[in-house]
Amino acid sequence: MKKHSITVAENLESHYPSMPKNDIKERQKKLLELTRTSCEDKLNDEYLLLCEKLINKMTRKKRTVERA
């Protein structure tokens, strides 16, 4: 059998091109605003802190934010 020479990272790159850091920061800001409003209306401060922590973690992993 012939093996494929493309790696997973290369495959992802072709489907999800890199996003500039400014765009990632903009998306992070929007996500934080949306979750802050939702948590204040429907949940509590603990959920807000958890959501903020997860969003901030996602922004360090570019691929995740690009798909959000």
PDB file of N, CA and C in Angstrom:
ATOM      1  N   MET A   1       0.832  -1.186   0.000  1.00  0.00           N
ATOM      2  CA  MET A   1       0.000   0.000   0.000  1.00  0.00           C
ATOM      3  C   MET A   1       0.873   1.244   0.000  1.00  0.00           C
ATOM      4  N   LYS A   2       0.417   2.217  -0.720  1.00  0.00           N
ATOM      5  CA  LYS A   2       1.152   3.476  -0.784  1.00  0.00           C
ATOM      6  C   LYS A   2       0.721   4.388   0.359  1.00  0.00           C
ATOM      7  N   LYS A   3       1.695   4.949   1.072  1.00  0.00           N
ATOM      8  CA  LYS A   3       1.385   5.860   2.171  1.00  0.00           C
ATOM      9  C   LYS A   3       1.222   7.277   1.633  1.00  0.00           C
ATOM     10  N   HIS A   4       0.332   8.014   2.279  1.00  0.00           N
ATOM     11  CA  HIS A   4       0.154   9.417   1.918  1.00  0.00           C
ATOM     12  C   HIS A   4       1.274  10.233   2.532  1.00  0.00           C
ATOM     13  N   SER A   5       1.775  11.177   1.781  1.00  0.00           N
ATOM     14  CA  SER A   5       2.892  11.974   2.287  1.00  0.00           C
ATOM     15  C   SER A   5       2.439  13.245   3.007  1.00  0.00           C
ATOM     16  N   ILE A   6       1.146  13.530   3.013  1.00  0.00           N
ATOM     17  CA  ILE A   6       0.648  14.740   3.677  1.00  0.00           C
ATOM     18  C   ILE A   6       0.430  14.470   5.167  1.00  0.00           C
ATOM     19  N   THR A   7       0.816  15.418   5.983  1.00  0.00           N
ATOM     20  CA  THR A   7       0.639  15.263   7.427  1.00  0.00           C
ATOM     21  C   THR A   7      -0.703  15.842   7.851  1.00  0.00           C
ATOM     22  N   VAL A   8      -1.092  15.538   9.062  1.00  0.00           N
ATOM     23  CA  VAL A   8      -2.345  16.065   9.604  1.00  0.00           C
ATOM     24  C   VAL A   8      -2.297  17.589   9.648  1.00  0.00           C
ATOM     25  N   ALA A   9      -1.173  18.140  10.083  1.00  0.00           N
ATOM     26  CA  ALA A   9      -1.030  19.601  10.164  1.00  0.00           C
ATOM     27  C   ALA A   9      -1.182  20.244   8.790  1.00  0.00           C
ATOM     28  N   GLU A  10      -0.593  19.643   7.781  1.00  0.00           N
ATOM     29  CA  GLU A  10      -0.718  20.179   6.419  1.00  0.00           C
ATOM     30  C   GLU A  10      -2.153  20.080   5.929  1.00  0.00           C
ATOM     31  N   ASN A  11      -2.817  19.003   6.269  1.00  0.00           N
ATOM     32  CA  ASN A  11      -4.207  18.830   5.884  1.00  0.00           C
ATOM     33  C   ASN A  11      -5.081  19.893   6.544  1.00  0.00           C
ATOM     34  N   LEU A  12      -4.873  20.134   7.822  1.00  0.00           N
ATOM     35  CA  LEU A  12      -5.625  21.171   8.527  1.00  0.00           C
ATOM     36  C   LEU A  12      -5.349  22.542   7.936  1.00  0.00           C
ATOM     37  N   GLU A  13      -4.102  22.809   7.624  1.00  0.00           N
ATOM     38  CA  GLU A  13      -3.717  24.110   7.070  1.00  0.00           C
ATOM     39  C   GLU A  13      -4.444  24.375   5.756  1.00  0.00           C
ATOM     40  N   SER A  14      -4.615  23.341   4.944  1.00  0.00           N
ATOM     41  CA  SER A  14      -5.296  23.537   3.667  1.00  0.00           C
ATOM     42  C   SER A  14      -6.787  23.806   3.855  1.00  0.00           C
ATOM     43  N   HIS A  15      -7.390  23.251   4.896  1.00  0.00           N
ATOM     44  CA  HIS A  15      -8.814  23.466   5.150  1.00  0.00           C
ATOM     45  C   HIS A  15      -9.076  24.711   5.982  1.00  0.00           C
ATOM     46  N   TYR A  16      -8.165  25.037   6.865  1.00  0.00           N
ATOM     47  CA  TYR A  16      -8.325  26.177   7.770  1.00  0.00           C
ATOM     48  C   TYR A  16      -7.082  27.059   7.693  1.00  0.00           C
ATOM     49  N   PRO A  17      -7.043  27.988   6.738  1.00  0.00           N
ATOM     50  CA  PRO A  17      -5.858  28.849   6.646  1.00  0.00           C
ATOM     51  C   PRO A  17      -5.671  29.674   7.911  1.00  0.00           C
ATOM     52  N   SER A  18      -4.444  30.093   8.158  1.00  0.00           N
ATOM     53  CA  SER A  18      -4.131  30.854   9.367  1.00  0.00           C
ATOM     54  C   SER A  18      -4.895  32.167   9.414  1.00  0.00           C
ATOM     55  N   MET A  19      -5.242  32.556  10.618  1.00  0.00           N
ATOM     56  CA  MET A  19      -5.969  33.794  10.845  1.00  0.00           C
ATOM     57  C   MET A  19      -5.009  34.784  11.508  1.00  0.00           C
ATOM     58  N   PRO A  20      -5.006  36.042  11.068  1.00  0.00           N
ATOM     59  CA  PRO A  20      -4.128  37.039  11.704  1.00  0.00           C
ATOM     60  C   PRO A  20      -4.450  37.219  13.185  1.00  0.00           C
ATOM     61  N   LYS A  21      -3.429  37.553  13.973  1.00  0.00           N
ATOM     62  CA  LYS A  21      -3.607  37.697  15.421  1.00  0.00           C
ATOM     63  C   LYS A  21      -4.643  38.760  15.767  1.00  0.00           C
ATOM     64  N   ASN A  22      -4.708  39.828  14.980  1.00  0.00           N
ATOM     65  CA  ASN A  22      -5.703  40.875  15.251  1.00  0.00           C
ATOM     66  C   ASN A  22      -7.119  40.325  15.140  1.00  0.00           C
ATOM     67  N   ASP A  23      -7.348  39.475  14.140  1.00  0.00           N
ATOM     68  CA  ASP A  23      -8.672  38.870  13.968  1.00  0.00           C
ATOM     69  C   ASP A  23      -9.001  37.934  15.128  1.00  0.00           C
ATOM     70  N   ILE A  24      -7.999  37.229  15.606  1.00  0.00           N
ATOM     71  CA  ILE A  24      -8.210  36.327  16.741  1.00  0.00           C
ATOM     72  C   ILE A  24      -8.596  37.129  17.973  1.00  0.00           C
ATOM     73  N   LYS A  25      -7.910  38.239  18.202  1.00  0.00           N
ATOM     74  CA  LYS A  25      -8.224  39.094  19.360  1.00  0.00           C
ATOM     75  C   LYS A  25      -9.634  39.672  19.244  1.00  0.00           C
ATOM     76  N   GLU A  26     -10.033  40.057  18.037  1.00  0.00           N
ATOM     77  CA  GLU A  26     -11.392  40.574  17.812  1.00  0.00           C
ATOM     78  C   GLU A  26     -12.431  39.504  18.140  1.00  0.00           C
ATOM     79  N   ARG A  27     -12.182  38.301  17.651  1.00  0.00           N
ATOM     80  CA  ARG A  27     -13.117  37.207  17.898  1.00  0.00           C
ATOM     81  C   ARG A  27     -13.169  36.858  19.382  1.00  0.00           C
ATOM     82  N   GLN A  28     -12.022  36.892  20.045  1.00  0.00           N
ATOM     83  CA  GLN A  28     -11.967  36.641  21.486  1.00  0.00           C
ATOM     84  C   GLN A  28     -12.808  37.678  22.225  1.00  0.00           C
ATOM     85  N   LYS A  29     -12.661  38.923  21.848  1.00  0.00           N
ATOM     86  CA  LYS A  29     -13.411  40.006  22.491  1.00  0.00           C
ATOM     87  C   LYS A  29     -14.921  39.805  22.320  1.00  0.00           C
ATOM     88  N   LYS A  30     -15.349  39.450  21.104  1.00  0.00           N
ATOM     89  CA  LYS A  30     -16.775  39.212  20.841  1.00  0.00           C
ATOM     90  C   LYS A  30     -17.300  38.037  21.661  1.00  0.00           C
ATOM     91  N   LEU A  31     -16.525  36.951  21.691  1.00  0.00           N
ATOM     92  CA  LEU A  31     -16.945  35.775  22.459  1.00  0.00           C
ATOM     93  C   LEU A  31     -17.063  36.094  23.945  1.00  0.00           C
ATOM     94  N   LEU A  32     -16.104  36.859  24.463  1.00  0.00           N
ATOM     95  CA  LEU A  32     -16.145  37.232  25.880  1.00  0.00           C
ATOM     96  C   LEU A  32     -17.361  38.103  26.187  1.00  0.00           C
ATOM     97  N   GLU A  33     -17.680  39.035  25.292  1.00  0.00           N
ATOM     98  CA  GLU A  33     -18.855  39.889  25.490  1.00  0.00           C
ATOM     99  C   GLU A  33     -20.142  39.063  25.488  1.00  0.00           C
ATOM    100  N   LEU A  34     -20.260  38.167  24.516  1.00  0.00           N
ATOM    101  CA  LEU A  34     -21.464  37.330  24.419  1.00  0.00           C
ATOM    102  C   LEU A  34     -21.635  36.433  25.644  1.00  0.00           C
ATOM    103  N   THR A  35     -20.560  35.796  26.050  1.00  0.00           N
ATOM    104  CA  THR A  35     -20.675  34.893  27.200  1.00  0.00           C
ATOM    105  C   THR A  35     -20.901  35.662  28.493  1.00  0.00           C
ATOM    106  N   ARG A  36     -20.301  36.831  28.603  1.00  0.00           N
ATOM    107  CA  ARG A  36     -20.497  37.646  29.810  1.00  0.00           C
ATOM    108  C   ARG A  36     -21.978  38.012  29.950  1.00  0.00           C
ATOM    109  N   THR A  37     -22.577  38.455  28.863  1.00  0.00           N
ATOM    110  CA  THR A  37     -23.994  38.816  28.879  1.00  0.00           C
ATOM    111  C   THR A  37     -24.863  37.607  29.209  1.00  0.00           C
ATOM    112  N   SER A  38     -24.585  36.492  28.564  1.00  0.00           N
ATOM    113  CA  SER A  38     -25.377  35.277  28.795  1.00  0.00           C
ATOM    114  C   SER A  38     -25.240  34.778  30.227  1.00  0.00           C
ATOM    115  N   CYS A  39     -24.022  34.764  30.731  1.00  0.00           N
ATOM    116  CA  CYS A  39     -23.798  34.276  32.097  1.00  0.00           C
ATOM    117  C   CYS A  39     -24.454  35.193  33.126  1.00  0.00           C
ATOM    118  N   GLU A  40     -24.410  36.496  32.886  1.00  0.00           N
ATOM    119  CA  GLU A  40     -25.047  37.432  33.816  1.00  0.00           C
ATOM    120  C   GLU A  40     -26.563  37.257  33.814  1.00  0.00           C
ATOM    121  N   ASP A  41     -27.135  36.975  32.641  1.00  0.00           N
ATOM    122  CA  ASP A  41     -28.589  36.823  32.523  1.00  0.00           C
ATOM    123  C   ASP A  41     -29.087  35.474  33.024  1.00  0.00           C
ATOM    124  N   LYS A  42     -28.370  34.411  32.700  1.00  0.00           N
ATOM    125  CA  LYS A  42     -28.901  33.065  32.924  1.00  0.00           C
ATOM    126  C   LYS A  42     -28.145  32.233  33.958  1.00  0.00           C
ATOM    127  N   LEU A  43     -26.861  32.541  34.174  1.00  0.00           N
ATOM    128  CA  LEU A  43     -26.041  31.692  35.036  1.00  0.00           C
ATOM    129  C   LEU A  43     -25.481  32.497  36.203  1.00  0.00           C
ATOM    130  N   ASN A  44     -24.335  32.083  36.717  1.00  0.00           N
ATOM    131  CA  ASN A  44     -23.738  32.806  37.844  1.00  0.00           C
ATOM    132  C   ASN A  44     -22.276  33.134  37.556  1.00  0.00           C
ATOM    133  N   ASP A  45     -21.624  33.763  38.531  1.00  0.00           N
ATOM    134  CA  ASP A  45     -20.239  34.208  38.352  1.00  0.00           C
ATOM    135  C   ASP A  45     -19.263  33.054  38.143  1.00  0.00           C
ATOM    136  N   GLU A  46     -19.559  31.906  38.724  1.00  0.00           N
ATOM    137  CA  GLU A  46     -18.669  30.756  38.543  1.00  0.00           C
ATOM    138  C   GLU A  46     -18.633  30.317  37.083  1.00  0.00           C
ATOM    139  N   TYR A  47     -19.799  30.291  36.441  1.00  0.00           N
ATOM    140  CA  TYR A  47     -19.847  29.932  35.028  1.00  0.00           C
ATOM    141  C   TYR A  47     -19.161  30.991  34.179  1.00  0.00           C
ATOM    142  N   LEU A  48     -19.318  32.245  34.555  1.00  0.00           N
ATOM    143  CA  LEU A  48     -18.655  33.325  33.827  1.00  0.00           C
ATOM    144  C   LEU A  48     -17.137  33.149  33.874  1.00  0.00           C
ATOM    145  N   LEU A  49     -16.605  32.872  35.049  1.00  0.00           N
ATOM    146  CA  LEU A  49     -15.158  32.666  35.177  1.00  0.00           C
ATOM    147  C   LEU A  49     -14.686  31.465  34.364  1.00  0.00           C
ATOM    148  N   LEU A  50     -15.464  30.395  34.392  1.00  0.00           N
ATOM    149  CA  LEU A  50     -15.115  29.206  33.625  1.00  0.00           C
ATOM    150  C   LEU A  50     -15.126  29.504  32.122  1.00  0.00           C
ATOM    151  N   CYS A  51     -16.167  30.177  31.658  1.00  0.00           N
ATOM    152  CA  CYS A  51     -16.260  30.522  30.237  1.00  0.00           C
ATOM    153  C   CYS A  51     -15.104  31.414  29.807  1.00  0.00           C
ATOM    154  N   GLU A  52     -14.789  32.410  30.614  1.00  0.00           N
ATOM    155  CA  GLU A  52     -13.678  33.302  30.284  1.00  0.00           C
ATOM    156  C   GLU A  52     -12.361  32.535  30.220  1.00  0.00           C
ATOM    157  N   LYS A  53     -12.178  31.635  31.156  1.00  0.00           N
ATOM    158  CA  LYS A  53     -10.954  30.825  31.179  1.00  0.00           C
ATOM    159  C   LYS A  53     -10.845  29.978  29.905  1.00  0.00           C
ATOM    160  N   LEU A  54     -11.951  29.351  29.512  1.00  0.00           N
ATOM    161  CA  LEU A  54     -11.941  28.504  28.316  1.00  0.00           C
ATOM    162  C   LEU A  54     -11.727  29.316  27.042  1.00  0.00           C
ATOM    163  N   ILE A  55     -12.367  30.472  26.940  1.00  0.00           N
ATOM    164  CA  ILE A  55     -12.193  31.318  25.754  1.00  0.00           C
ATOM    165  C   ILE A  55     -10.746  31.788  25.651  1.00  0.00           C
ATOM    166  N   ASN A  56     -10.188  32.211  26.770  1.00  0.00           N
ATOM    167  CA  ASN A  56      -8.792  32.654  26.757  1.00  0.00           C
ATOM    168  C   ASN A  56      -7.849  31.516  26.380  1.00  0.00           C
ATOM    169  N   LYS A  57      -8.181  30.318  26.808  1.00  0.00           N
ATOM    170  CA  LYS A  57      -7.366  29.154  26.451  1.00  0.00           C
ATOM    171  C   LYS A  57      -7.511  28.855  24.955  1.00  0.00           C
ATOM    172  N   MET A  58      -8.727  28.967  24.441  1.00  0.00           N
ATOM    173  CA  MET A  58      -8.957  28.730  23.012  1.00  0.00           C
ATOM    174  C   MET A  58      -8.167  29.704  22.146  1.00  0.00           C
ATOM    175  N   THR A  59      -8.048  30.947  22.582  1.00  0.00           N
ATOM    176  CA  THR A  59      -7.341  31.933  21.761  1.00  0.00           C
ATOM    177  C   THR A  59      -5.847  31.651  21.679  1.00  0.00           C
ATOM    178  N   ARG A  60      -5.335  30.887  22.609  1.00  0.00           N
ATOM    179  CA  ARG A  60      -3.933  30.486  22.519  1.00  0.00           C
ATOM    180  C   ARG A  60      -3.756  29.338  21.528  1.00  0.00           C
ATOM    181  N   LYS A  61      -4.851  28.687  21.182  1.00  0.00           N
ATOM    182  CA  LYS A  61      -4.832  27.605  20.200  1.00  0.00           C
ATOM    183  C   LYS A  61      -5.568  28.122  18.970  1.00  0.00           C
ATOM    184  N   LYS A  62      -4.835  28.686  18.023  1.00  0.00           N
ATOM    185  CA  LYS A  62      -5.424  29.415  16.906  1.00  0.00           C
ATOM    186  C   LYS A  62      -6.497  28.635  16.158  1.00  0.00           C
ATOM    187  N   ARG A  63      -6.277  27.384  15.925  1.00  0.00           N
ATOM    188  CA  ARG A  63      -7.222  26.593  15.126  1.00  0.00           C
ATOM    189  C   ARG A  63      -8.620  26.565  15.740  1.00  0.00           C
ATOM    190  N   THR A  64      -8.704  26.511  17.047  1.00  0.00           N
ATOM    191  CA  THR A  64     -10.001  26.441  17.719  1.00  0.00           C
ATOM    192  C   THR A  64     -10.788  27.717  17.514  1.00  0.00           C
ATOM    193  N   VAL A  65     -10.154  28.844  17.671  1.00  0.00           N
ATOM    194  CA  VAL A  65     -10.838  30.131  17.543  1.00  0.00           C
ATOM    195  C   VAL A  65     -11.257  30.384  16.115  1.00  0.00           C
ATOM    196  N   GLU A  66     -10.461  29.956  15.167  1.00  0.00           N
ATOM    197  CA  GLU A  66     -10.795  30.170  13.768  1.00  0.00           C
ATOM    198  C   GLU A  66     -12.104  29.492  13.404  1.00  0.00           C
ATOM    199  N   ARG A  67     -12.427  28.412  14.071  1.00  0.00           N
ATOM    200  CA  ARG A  67     -13.654  27.681  13.762  1.00  0.00           C
ATOM    201  C   ARG A  67     -14.827  28.135  14.599  1.00  0.00           C
ATOM    202  N   ALA A  68     -14.581  28.947  15.634  1.00  0.00           N
ATOM    203  CA  ALA A  68     -15.660  29.398  16.531  1.00  0.00           C
ATOM    204  C   ALA A  68     -16.513  30.461  15.882  1.00  0.00           C
TER     205      ALA A  68
END
